[in-house]
All heavy atoms as atom14 arrays in JSON, in Angstrom:
{
  "sequence": "VEPHKRPRSSMSPVIVFDKKNEPLLVVGSPGGSSIIPFVIKTLI",
  "atom14_mask": [
    [1, 1, 1, 1, 1, 1, 1, 0, 0, 0, 0, 0, 0, 0],
    [1, 1, 1, 1, 1, 1, 1, 1, 1, 0, 0, 0, 0, 0],
    [1, 1, 1, 1, 1, 1, 1, 0, 0, 0, 0, 0, 0, 0],
    [1, 1, 1, 1, 1, 1, 1, 1, 1, 1, 0, 0, 0, 0],
    [1, 1, 1, 1, 1, 1, 1, 1, 1, 0, 0, 0, 0, 0],
    [1, 1, 1, 1, 1, 1, 1, 1, 1, 1, 1, 0, 0, 0],
    [1, 1, 1, 1, 1, 1, 1, 0, 0, 0, 0, 0, 0, 0],
    [1, 1, 1, 1, 1, 1, 1, 1, 1, 1, 1, 0, 0, 0],
    [1, 1, 1, 1, 1, 1, 0, 0, 0, 0, 0, 0, 0, 0],
    [1, 1, 1, 1, 1, 1, 0, 0, 0, 0, 0, 0, 0, 0],
    [1, 1, 1, 1, 1, 1, 1, 1, 0, 0, 0, 0, 0, 0],
    [1, 1, 1, 1, 1, 1, 0, 0, 0, 0, 0, 0, 0, 0],
    [1, 1, 1, 1, 1, 1, 1, 0, 0, 0, 0, 0, 0, 0],
    [1, 1, 1, 1, 1, 1, 1, 0, 0, 0, 0, 0, 0, 0],
    [1, 1, 1, 1, 1, 1, 1, 1, 0, 0, 0, 0, 0, 0],
    [1, 1, 1, 1, 1, 1, 1, 0, 0, 0, 0, 0, 0, 0],
    [1, 1, 1, 1, 1, 1, 1, 1, 1, 1, 1, 0, 0, 0],
    [1, 1, 1, 1, 1, 1, 1, 1, 0, 0, 0, 0, 0, 0],
    [1, 1, 1, 1, 1, 1, 1, 1, 1, 0, 0, 0, 0, 0],
    [1, 1, 1, 1, 1, 1, 1, 1, 1, 0, 0, 0, 0, 0],
    [1, 1, 1, 1, 1, 1, 1, 1, 0, 0, 0, 0, 0, 0],
    [1, 1, 1, 1, 1, 1, 1, 1, 1, 0, 0, 0, 0, 0],
    [1, 1, 1, 1, 1, 1, 1, 0, 0, 0, 0, 0, 0, 0],
    [1, 1, 1, 1, 1, 1, 1, 1, 0, 0, 0, 0, 0, 0],
    [1, 1, 1, 1, 1, 1, 1, 1, 0, 0, 0, 0, 0, 0],
    [1, 1, 1, 1, 1, 1, 1, 0, 0, 0, 0, 0, 0, 0],
    [1, 1, 1, 1, 1, 1, 1, 0, 0, 0, 0, 0, 0, 0],
    [1, 1, 1, 1, 0, 0, 0, 0, 0, 0, 0, 0, 0, 0],
    [1, 1, 1, 1, 1, 1, 0, 0, 0, 0, 0, 0, 0, 0],
    [1, 1, 1, 1, 1, 1, 1, 0, 0, 0, 0, 0, 0, 0],
    [1, 1, 1, 1, 0, 0, 0, 0, 0, 0, 0, 0, 0, 0],
    [1, 1, 1, 1, 0, 0, 0, 0, 0, 0, 0, 0, 0, 0],
    [1, 1, 1, 1, 1, 1, 0, 0, 0, 0, 0, 0, 0, 0],
    [1, 1, 1, 1, 1, 1, 0, 0, 0, 0, 0, 0, 0, 0],
    [1, 1, 1, 1, 1, 1, 1, 1, 0, 0, 0, 0, 0, 0],
    [1, 1, 1, 1, 1, 1, 1, 1, 0, 0, 0, 0, 0, 0],
    [1, 1, 1, 1, 1, 1, 1, 0, 0, 0, 0, 0, 0, 0],
    [1, 1, 1, 1, 1, 1, 1, 1, 1, 1, 1, 0, 0, 0],
    [1, 1, 1, 1, 1, 1, 1, 0, 0, 0, 0, 0, 0, 0],
    [1, 1, 1, 1, 1, 1, 1, 1, 0, 0, 0, 0, 0, 0],
    [1, 1, 1, 1, 1, 1, 1, 1, 1, 0, 0, 0, 0, 0],
    [1, 1, 1, 1, 1, 1, 1, 0, 0, 0, 0, 0, 0, 0],
    [1, 1, 1, 1, 1, 1, 1, 1, 0, 0, 0, 0, 0, 0],
    [1, 1, 1, 1, 1, 1, 1, 1, 0, 0, 0, 0, 0, 0]
  ],
  "atom14_positions": [
    [[-103.53, -50.31, -14.59], [-104.67, -51.1, -15.21], [-104.37, -51.2, -16.67], [-104.11, -50.32, -17.42], [-105.9, -50.18, -14.85], [-107.15, -50.78, -15.54], [-106.1, -49.93, -13.45], [0.0, 0.0, 0.0], [0.0, 0.0, 0.0], [0.0, 0.0, 0.0], [0.0, 0.0, 0.0], [0.0, 0.0, 0.0], [0.0, 0.0, 0.0], [0.0, 0.0, 0.0]],
    [[-104.65, -52.53, -17.06], [-104.5, -52.81, -18.46], [-105.71, -53.75, -18.84], [-106.17, -54.49, -18.12], [-103.12, -53.43, -18.73], [-101.95, -52.58, -18.46], [-100.64, -53.35, -18.63], [-100.57, -54.21, -19.52], [-99.73, -53.09, -17.89], [0.0, 0.0, 0.0], [0.0, 0.0, 0.0], [0.0, 0.0, 0.0], [0.0, 0.0, 0.0], [0.0, 0.0, 0.0]],
    [[-105.96, -53.79, -20.17], [-106.94, -54.69, -20.72], [-106.49, -56.18, -20.49], [-105.3, -56.41, -20.49], [-107.09, -54.34, -22.22], [-106.49, -53.14, -22.34], [-105.54, -52.88, -21.23], [0.0, 0.0, 0.0], [0.0, 0.0, 0.0], [0.0, 0.0, 0.0], [0.0, 0.0, 0.0], [0.0, 0.0, 0.0], [0.0, 0.0, 0.0], [0.0, 0.0, 0.0]],
    [[-107.4, -57.03, -20.3], [-107.1, -58.52, -20.21], [-106.4, -58.94, -19.02], [-105.73, -59.91, -19.02], [-106.53, -58.98, -21.43], [-107.26, -58.52, -22.78], [-108.55, -58.98, -23.14], [-106.89, -57.71, -23.7], [-108.94, -58.54, -24.21], [-108.03, -57.58, -24.64], [0.0, 0.0, 0.0], [0.0, 0.0, 0.0], [0.0, 0.0, 0.0], [0.0, 0.0, 0.0]],
    [[-106.32, -58.15, -18.04], [-105.55, -58.5, -16.69], [-106.57, -58.9, -15.71], [-107.72, -58.36, -15.74], [-104.79, -57.2, -16.18], [-103.74, -56.75, -17.1], [-102.69, -57.67, -16.99], [-101.44, -57.09, -17.8], [-100.27, -57.94, -17.7], [0.0, 0.0, 0.0], [0.0, 0.0, 0.0], [0.0, 0.0, 0.0], [0.0, 0.0, 0.0], [0.0, 0.0, 0.0]],
    [[-106.28, -59.81, -14.84], [-107.07, -60.24, -13.86], [-106.82, -59.47, -12.55], [-105.73, -59.23, -12.22], [-106.9, -61.73, -13.62], [-107.22, -62.58, -14.73], [-106.95, -64.1, -14.58], [-107.84, -64.58, -13.47], [-107.89, -65.87, -13.05], [-107.07, -66.76, -13.62], [-108.7, -66.22, -12.2], [0.0, 0.0, 0.0], [0.0, 0.0, 0.0], [0.0, 0.0, 0.0]],
    [[-107.88, -59.28, -11.7], [-107.56, -58.53, -10.45], [-106.79, -59.5, -9.58], [-106.84, -60.76, -9.56], [-109.05, -58.37, -9.83], [-109.88, -59.33, -10.58], [-109.24, -59.49, -11.93], [0.0, 0.0, 0.0], [0.0, 0.0, 0.0], [0.0, 0.0, 0.0], [0.0, 0.0, 0.0], [0.0, 0.0, 0.0], [0.0, 0.0, 0.0], [0.0, 0.0, 0.0]],
    [[-106.03, -58.78, -8.62], [-105.23, -59.55, -7.64], [-106.03, -60.11, -6.52], [-105.52, -61.02, -5.82], [-104.1, -58.68, -7.2], [-103.12, -58.26, -8.15], [-102.0, -57.55, -7.63], [-101.48, -58.19, -6.57], [-100.27, -58.3, -6.3], [-99.27, -57.87, -6.94], [-99.72, -58.93, -5.15], [0.0, 0.0, 0.0], [0.0, 0.0, 0.0], [0.0, 0.0, 0.0]],
    [[-107.18, -59.61, -6.31], [-108.03, -60.09, -5.25], [-109.45, -59.94, -5.55], [-109.82, -59.35, -6.51], [-107.75, -59.36, -3.92], [-108.16, -57.99, -4.03], [0.0, 0.0, 0.0], [0.0, 0.0, 0.0], [0.0, 0.0, 0.0], [0.0, 0.0, 0.0], [0.0, 0.0, 0.0], [0.0, 0.0, 0.0], [0.0, 0.0, 0.0], [0.0, 0.0, 0.0]],
    [[-110.26, -60.59, -4.81], [-111.81, -60.57, -5.05], [-112.31, -59.33, -4.3], [-111.83, -59.02, -3.32], [-112.44, -61.85, -4.51], [-111.93, -62.94, -5.09], [0.0, 0.0, 0.0], [0.0, 0.0, 0.0], [0.0, 0.0, 0.0], [0.0, 0.0, 0.0], [0.0, 0.0, 0.0], [0.0, 0.0, 0.0], [0.0, 0.0, 0.0], [0.0, 0.0, 0.0]],
    [[-113.37, -58.82, -4.78], [-114.1, -57.69, -4.18], [-115.58, -58.22, -4.1], [-116.09, -58.57, -5.14], [-113.92, -56.42, -4.83], [-112.49, -55.93, -4.83], [-112.22, -54.37, -5.71], [-113.36, -53.33, -4.82], [0.0, 0.0, 0.0], [0.0, 0.0, 0.0], [0.0, 0.0, 0.0], [0.0, 0.0, 0.0], [0.0, 0.0, 0.0], [0.0, 0.0, 0.0]],
    [[-116.26, -58.04, -3.04], [-117.57, -58.35, -3.0], [-118.4, -57.5, -2.08], [-119.05, -57.99, -1.17], [-117.78, -59.89, -2.7], [-117.17, -60.03, -1.4], [0.0, 0.0, 0.0], [0.0, 0.0, 0.0], [0.0, 0.0, 0.0], [0.0, 0.0, 0.0], [0.0, 0.0, 0.0], [0.0, 0.0, 0.0], [0.0, 0.0, 0.0], [0.0, 0.0, 0.0]],
    [[-118.46, -56.16, -2.39], [-119.32, -55.35, -1.53], [-120.8, -55.72, -1.84], [-121.09, -56.05, -3.06], [-118.99, -53.93, -2.07], [-118.39, -54.12, -3.48], [-117.75, -55.48, -3.45], [0.0, 0.0, 0.0], [0.0, 0.0, 0.0], [0.0, 0.0, 0.0], [0.0, 0.0, 0.0], [0.0, 0.0, 0.0], [0.0, 0.0, 0.0], [0.0, 0.0, 0.0]],
    [[-121.59, -55.77, -0.8], [-122.97, -56.23, -0.98], [-123.86, -55.2, -0.21], [-123.61, -54.88, 0.85], [-123.06, -57.67, -0.39], [-124.5, -58.09, -0.38], [-122.31, -58.69, -0.99], [0.0, 0.0, 0.0], [0.0, 0.0, 0.0], [0.0, 0.0, 0.0], [0.0, 0.0, 0.0], [0.0, 0.0, 0.0], [0.0, 0.0, 0.0], [0.0, 0.0, 0.0]],
    [[-125.01, -54.86, -1.02], [-126.03, -54.02, -0.45], [-127.29, -54.93, -0.43], [-127.72, -55.41, -1.45], [-126.21, -52.76, -1.12], [-124.95, -51.96, -1.16], [-127.49, -52.0, -0.48], [-125.06, -50.7, -2.1], [0.0, 0.0, 0.0], [0.0, 0.0, 0.0], [0.0, 0.0, 0.0], [0.0, 0.0, 0.0], [0.0, 0.0, 0.0], [0.0, 0.0, 0.0]],
    [[-127.86, -55.04, 0.77], [-129.17, -55.85, 0.82], [-130.27, -54.87, 1.13], [-130.18, -53.97, 1.99], [-129.09, -56.86, 2.17], [-130.37, -57.63, 2.21], [-127.95, -57.75, 1.95], [0.0, 0.0, 0.0], [0.0, 0.0, 0.0], [0.0, 0.0, 0.0], [0.0, 0.0, 0.0], [0.0, 0.0, 0.0], [0.0, 0.0, 0.0], [0.0, 0.0, 0.0]],
    [[-131.35, -55.06, 0.35], [-132.51, -54.1, 0.33], [-133.76, -54.86, 1.0], [-133.81, -56.02, 0.78], [-132.82, -53.58, -0.98], [-131.91, -52.8, -1.61], [-130.79, -53.34, -2.34], [-131.83, -51.38, -1.5], [-129.89, -52.5, -2.98], [-130.91, -50.68, -1.92], [-129.89, -51.14, -2.79], [0.0, 0.0, 0.0], [0.0, 0.0, 0.0], [0.0, 0.0, 0.0]],
    [[-134.54, -54.21, 1.76], [-135.68, -54.7, 2.3], [-136.83, -54.74, 1.24], [-136.66, -54.33, 0.12], [-136.1, -53.98, 3.62], [-136.55, -52.58, 3.43], [-136.78, -52.11, 2.2], [-136.69, -51.81, 4.39], [0.0, 0.0, 0.0], [0.0, 0.0, 0.0], [0.0, 0.0, 0.0], [0.0, 0.0, 0.0], [0.0, 0.0, 0.0], [0.0, 0.0, 0.0]],
    [[-137.97, -55.17, 1.72], [-139.2, -55.35, 0.73], [-139.59, -53.89, 0.22], [-140.29, -53.82, -0.77], [-140.38, -55.87, 1.36], [-140.06, -57.42, 1.7], [-141.17, -58.04, 2.41], [-140.82, -59.51, 2.69], [-141.92, -60.23, 3.34], [0.0, 0.0, 0.0], [0.0, 0.0, 0.0], [0.0, 0.0, 0.0], [0.0, 0.0, 0.0], [0.0, 0.0, 0.0]],
    [[-139.35, -52.82, 0.97], [-139.58, -51.44, 0.44], [-138.46, -50.84, -0.37], [-138.48, -49.68, -0.73], [-139.92, -50.6, 1.66], [-141.1, -51.05, 2.41], [-141.35, -49.97, 3.6], [-142.5, -50.54, 4.45], [-142.69, -49.69, 5.7], [0.0, 0.0, 0.0], [0.0, 0.0, 0.0], [0.0, 0.0, 0.0], [0.0, 0.0, 0.0], [0.0, 0.0, 0.0]],
    [[-137.53, -51.69, -0.62], [-136.38, -51.12, -1.6], [-135.54, -50.26, -0.83], [-134.79, -49.31, -1.45], [-136.81, -50.67, -2.91], [-135.92, -51.18, -3.97], [-135.2, -52.09, -3.9], [-136.06, -50.57, -5.15], [0.0, 0.0, 0.0], [0.0, 0.0, 0.0], [0.0, 0.0, 0.0], [0.0, 0.0, 0.0], [0.0, 0.0, 0.0], [0.0, 0.0, 0.0]],
    [[-135.57, -50.35, 0.67], [-134.63, -49.51, 1.31], [-133.35, -50.33, 1.72], [-133.48, -51.46, 1.98], [-135.4, -48.98, 2.63], [-136.58, -48.04, 2.41], [-136.18, -46.79, 1.87], [-135.2, -46.22, 2.26], [-136.97, -46.19, 0.97], [0.0, 0.0, 0.0], [0.0, 0.0, 0.0], [0.0, 0.0, 0.0], [0.0, 0.0, 0.0], [0.0, 0.0, 0.0]],
    [[-132.19, -49.62, 1.79], [-130.97, -50.44, 2.22], [-131.23, -50.93, 3.62], [-131.56, -50.21, 4.52], [-129.99, -49.41, 2.29], [-130.4, -48.2, 1.28], [-131.79, -48.25, 1.53], [0.0, 0.0, 0.0], [0.0, 0.0, 0.0], [0.0, 0.0, 0.0], [0.0, 0.0, 0.0], [0.0, 0.0, 0.0], [0.0, 0.0, 0.0], [0.0, 0.0, 0.0]],
    [[-130.91, -52.15, 3.87], [-131.05, -52.93, 5.03], [-129.64, -53.22, 5.72], [-129.52, -53.08, 6.87], [-131.88, -54.26, 4.84], [-132.09, -55.06, 6.13], [-132.92, -54.4, 7.1], [-132.65, -56.38, 5.72], [0.0, 0.0, 0.0], [0.0, 0.0, 0.0], [0.0, 0.0, 0.0], [0.0, 0.0, 0.0], [0.0, 0.0, 0.0], [0.0, 0.0, 0.0]],
    [[-128.72, -53.62, 4.8], [-127.49, -54.08, 5.25], [-126.5, -53.75, 4.18], [-126.69, -53.99, 2.98], [-127.54, -55.42, 5.61], [-126.27, -56.23, 6.11], [-125.8, -55.72, 7.49], [-126.52, -57.74, 6.15], [0.0, 0.0, 0.0], [0.0, 0.0, 0.0], [0.0, 0.0, 0.0], [0.0, 0.0, 0.0], [0.0, 0.0, 0.0], [0.0, 0.0, 0.0]],
    [[-125.3, -53.11, 4.57], [-124.13, -53.01, 3.61], [-122.95, -53.61, 4.16], [-122.61, -53.35, 5.33], [-123.88, -51.47, 3.47], [-122.74, -51.29, 2.43], [-125.12, -50.84, 2.9], [0.0, 0.0, 0.0], [0.0, 0.0, 0.0], [0.0, 0.0, 0.0], [0.0, 0.0, 0.0], [0.0, 0.0, 0.0], [0.0, 0.0, 0.0], [0.0, 0.0, 0.0]],
    [[-122.29, -54.61, 3.48], [-121.25, -55.39, 4.1], [-120.11, -55.41, 2.99], [-120.32, -55.39, 1.76], [-121.55, -56.79, 4.57], [-122.5, -56.68, 5.72], [-122.19, -57.65, 3.49], [0.0, 0.0, 0.0], [0.0, 0.0, 0.0], [0.0, 0.0, 0.0], [0.0, 0.0, 0.0], [0.0, 0.0, 0.0], [0.0, 0.0, 0.0], [0.0, 0.0, 0.0]],
    [[-118.95, -55.69, 3.51], [-117.73, -55.91, 2.58], [-116.58, -56.33, 3.68], [-116.79, -56.42, 4.74], [0.0, 0.0, 0.0], [0.0, 0.0, 0.0], [0.0, 0.0, 0.0], [0.0, 0.0, 0.0], [0.0, 0.0, 0.0], [0.0, 0.0, 0.0], [0.0, 0.0, 0.0], [0.0, 0.0, 0.0], [0.0, 0.0, 0.0], [0.0, 0.0, 0.0]],
    [[-115.42, -56.69, 3.15], [-114.42, -57.12, 4.05], [-113.07, -56.85, 3.34], [-112.96, -57.02, 2.11], [-114.55, -58.6, 4.24], [-113.51, -59.06, 4.97], [0.0, 0.0, 0.0], [0.0, 0.0, 0.0], [0.0, 0.0, 0.0], [0.0, 0.0, 0.0], [0.0, 0.0, 0.0], [0.0, 0.0, 0.0], [0.0, 0.0, 0.0], [0.0, 0.0, 0.0]],
    [[-112.03, -56.56, 4.1], [-110.65, -56.7, 3.64], [-110.16, -58.07, 3.72], [-110.85, -58.9, 4.41], [-109.89, -55.82, 4.6], [-110.61, -55.85, 5.78], [-112.03, -56.09, 5.53], [0.0, 0.0, 0.0], [0.0, 0.0, 0.0], [0.0, 0.0, 0.0], [0.0, 0.0, 0.0], [0.0, 0.0, 0.0], [0.0, 0.0, 0.0], [0.0, 0.0, 0.0]],
    [[-109.16, -58.52, 2.95], [-108.65, -59.86, 3.21], [-108.3, -60.68, 2.08], [-108.13, -61.87, 2.16], [0.0, 0.0, 0.0], [0.0, 0.0, 0.0], [0.0, 0.0, 0.0], [0.0, 0.0, 0.0], [0.0, 0.0, 0.0], [0.0, 0.0, 0.0], [0.0, 0.0, 0.0], [0.0, 0.0, 0.0], [0.0, 0.0, 0.0], [0.0, 0.0, 0.0]],
    [[-108.13, -60.09, 0.92], [-107.79, -60.83, -0.28], [-108.66, -62.01, -0.55], [-109.81, -61.7, -0.73], [0.0, 0.0, 0.0], [0.0, 0.0, 0.0], [0.0, 0.0, 0.0], [0.0, 0.0, 0.0], [0.0, 0.0, 0.0], [0.0, 0.0, 0.0], [0.0, 0.0, 0.0], [0.0, 0.0, 0.0], [0.0, 0.0, 0.0], [0.0, 0.0, 0.0]],
    [[-108.2, -63.24, -0.67], [-108.93, -64.33, -1.08], [-110.02, -64.76, 0.06], [-110.84, -65.65, -0.16], [-108.17, -65.5, -1.49], [-107.42, -65.98, -0.19], [0.0, 0.0, 0.0], [0.0, 0.0, 0.0], [0.0, 0.0, 0.0], [0.0, 0.0, 0.0], [0.0, 0.0, 0.0], [0.0, 0.0, 0.0], [0.0, 0.0, 0.0], [0.0, 0.0, 0.0]],
    [[-109.87, -64.16, 1.27], [-110.81, -64.43, 2.26], [-112.05, -63.55, 2.24], [-112.98, -63.78, 3.21], [-110.08, -64.31, 3.65], [-108.98, -65.15, 3.73], [0.0, 0.0, 0.0], [0.0, 0.0, 0.0], [0.0, 0.0, 0.0], [0.0, 0.0, 0.0], [0.0, 0.0, 0.0], [0.0, 0.0, 0.0], [0.0, 0.0, 0.0], [0.0, 0.0, 0.0]],
    [[-112.12, -62.58, 1.4], [-113.14, -61.57, 1.42], [-114.48, -62.32, 1.36], [-115.46, -62.12, 2.02], [-112.96, -60.57, 0.22], [-111.83, -59.65, 0.58], [-114.22, -59.75, 0.16], [-111.41, -58.79, -0.5], [0.0, 0.0, 0.0], [0.0, 0.0, 0.0], [0.0, 0.0, 0.0], [0.0, 0.0, 0.0], [0.0, 0.0, 0.0], [0.0, 0.0, 0.0]],
    [[-114.56, -63.1, 0.25], [-116.01, -63.7, -0.04], [-116.46, -64.59, 1.15], [-117.64, -64.4, 1.52], [-115.97, -64.51, -1.4], [-115.66, -63.46, -2.55], [-117.24, -65.3, -1.58], [-115.5, -64.12, -3.82], [0.0, 0.0, 0.0], [0.0, 0.0, 0.0], [0.0, 0.0, 0.0], [0.0, 0.0, 0.0], [0.0, 0.0, 0.0], [0.0, 0.0, 0.0]],
    [[-115.65, -65.44, 1.73], [-116.15, -66.28, 2.93], [-116.65, -65.3, 4.02], [-117.6, -65.66, 4.77], [-115.02, -67.16, 3.28], [-114.22, -67.28, 2.07], [-114.39, -65.99, 1.34], [0.0, 0.0, 0.0], [0.0, 0.0, 0.0], [0.0, 0.0, 0.0], [0.0, 0.0, 0.0], [0.0, 0.0, 0.0], [0.0, 0.0, 0.0], [0.0, 0.0, 0.0]],
    [[-115.86, -64.29, 4.34], [-116.21, -63.35, 5.41], [-117.56, -62.7, 5.2], [-118.36, -62.62, 6.04], [-115.09, -62.35, 5.61], [-114.05, -62.8, 6.65], [-112.82, -63.34, 6.09], [-114.16, -62.73, 8.0], [-111.91, -63.81, 6.95], [-113.22, -63.18, 8.85], [-112.09, -63.74, 8.43], [0.0, 0.0, 0.0], [0.0, 0.0, 0.0], [0.0, 0.0, 0.0]],
    [[-117.7, -62.17, 3.97], [-119.08, -61.53, 3.58], [-120.25, -62.55, 3.71], [-121.23, -62.19, 4.2], [-118.8, -60.85, 2.25], [-120.27, -60.38, 1.7], [-117.93, -59.73, 2.2], [0.0, 0.0, 0.0], [0.0, 0.0, 0.0], [0.0, 0.0, 0.0], [0.0, 0.0, 0.0], [0.0, 0.0, 0.0], [0.0, 0.0, 0.0], [0.0, 0.0, 0.0]],
    [[-120.04, -63.73, 3.09], [-121.1, -64.74, 3.18], [-121.38, -65.02, 4.63], [-122.64, -65.09, 5.02], [-120.7, -65.95, 2.4], [-120.66, -65.65, 0.9], [-121.59, -67.19, 2.7], [-120.09, -66.68, 0.05], [0.0, 0.0, 0.0], [0.0, 0.0, 0.0], [0.0, 0.0, 0.0], [0.0, 0.0, 0.0], [0.0, 0.0, 0.0], [0.0, 0.0, 0.0]],
    [[-120.41, -65.22, 5.49], [-120.63, -65.52, 6.85], [-121.5, -64.42, 7.53], [-122.5, -64.73, 8.24], [-119.33, -65.55, 7.69], [-119.57, -65.87, 9.16], [-118.22, -65.62, 9.98], [-118.27, -64.39, 10.68], [-117.18, -64.11, 11.68], [0.0, 0.0, 0.0], [0.0, 0.0, 0.0], [0.0, 0.0, 0.0], [0.0, 0.0, 0.0], [0.0, 0.0, 0.0]],
    [[-121.1, -63.17, 7.28], [-121.94, -62.08, 7.83], [-123.4, -62.05, 7.35], [-124.27, -61.91, 8.09], [-121.19, -60.78, 7.6], [-119.99, -60.77, 8.06], [-121.93, -59.66, 8.09], [0.0, 0.0, 0.0], [0.0, 0.0, 0.0], [0.0, 0.0, 0.0], [0.0, 0.0, 0.0], [0.0, 0.0, 0.0], [0.0, 0.0, 0.0], [0.0, 0.0, 0.0]],
    [[-123.59, -62.31, 6.06], [-124.88, -62.33, 5.41], [-125.74, -63.42, 6.09], [-126.96, -63.17, 6.52], [-124.82, -62.48, 3.94], [-124.4, -61.31, 3.2], [-124.16, -61.63, 1.68], [-125.23, -60.02, 3.34], [0.0, 0.0, 0.0], [0.0, 0.0, 0.0], [0.0, 0.0, 0.0], [0.0, 0.0, 0.0], [0.0, 0.0, 0.0], [0.0, 0.0, 0.0]],
    [[-125.22, -64.58, 6.28], [-126.02, -65.74, 6.72], [-126.3, -65.53, 8.17], [-127.46, -65.68, 8.72], [-125.2, -66.97, 6.57], [-125.08, -67.43, 5.14], [-125.8, -68.21, 7.42], [-124.14, -68.61, 4.8], [0.0, 0.0, 0.0], [0.0, 0.0, 0.0], [0.0, 0.0, 0.0], [0.0, 0.0, 0.0], [0.0, 0.0, 0.0], [0.0, 0.0, 0.0]]
  ]
}
């Protein structure tokens, strides 16, 4: 790890809370550059 370096892959862990502020859904995905589309698909 060094300053000013870019990560090799995206990370997008997501926690969705309900109206009572309780965790409703926790999602994430392995897969390098495919992580974000997989997480979005699951959320939708």
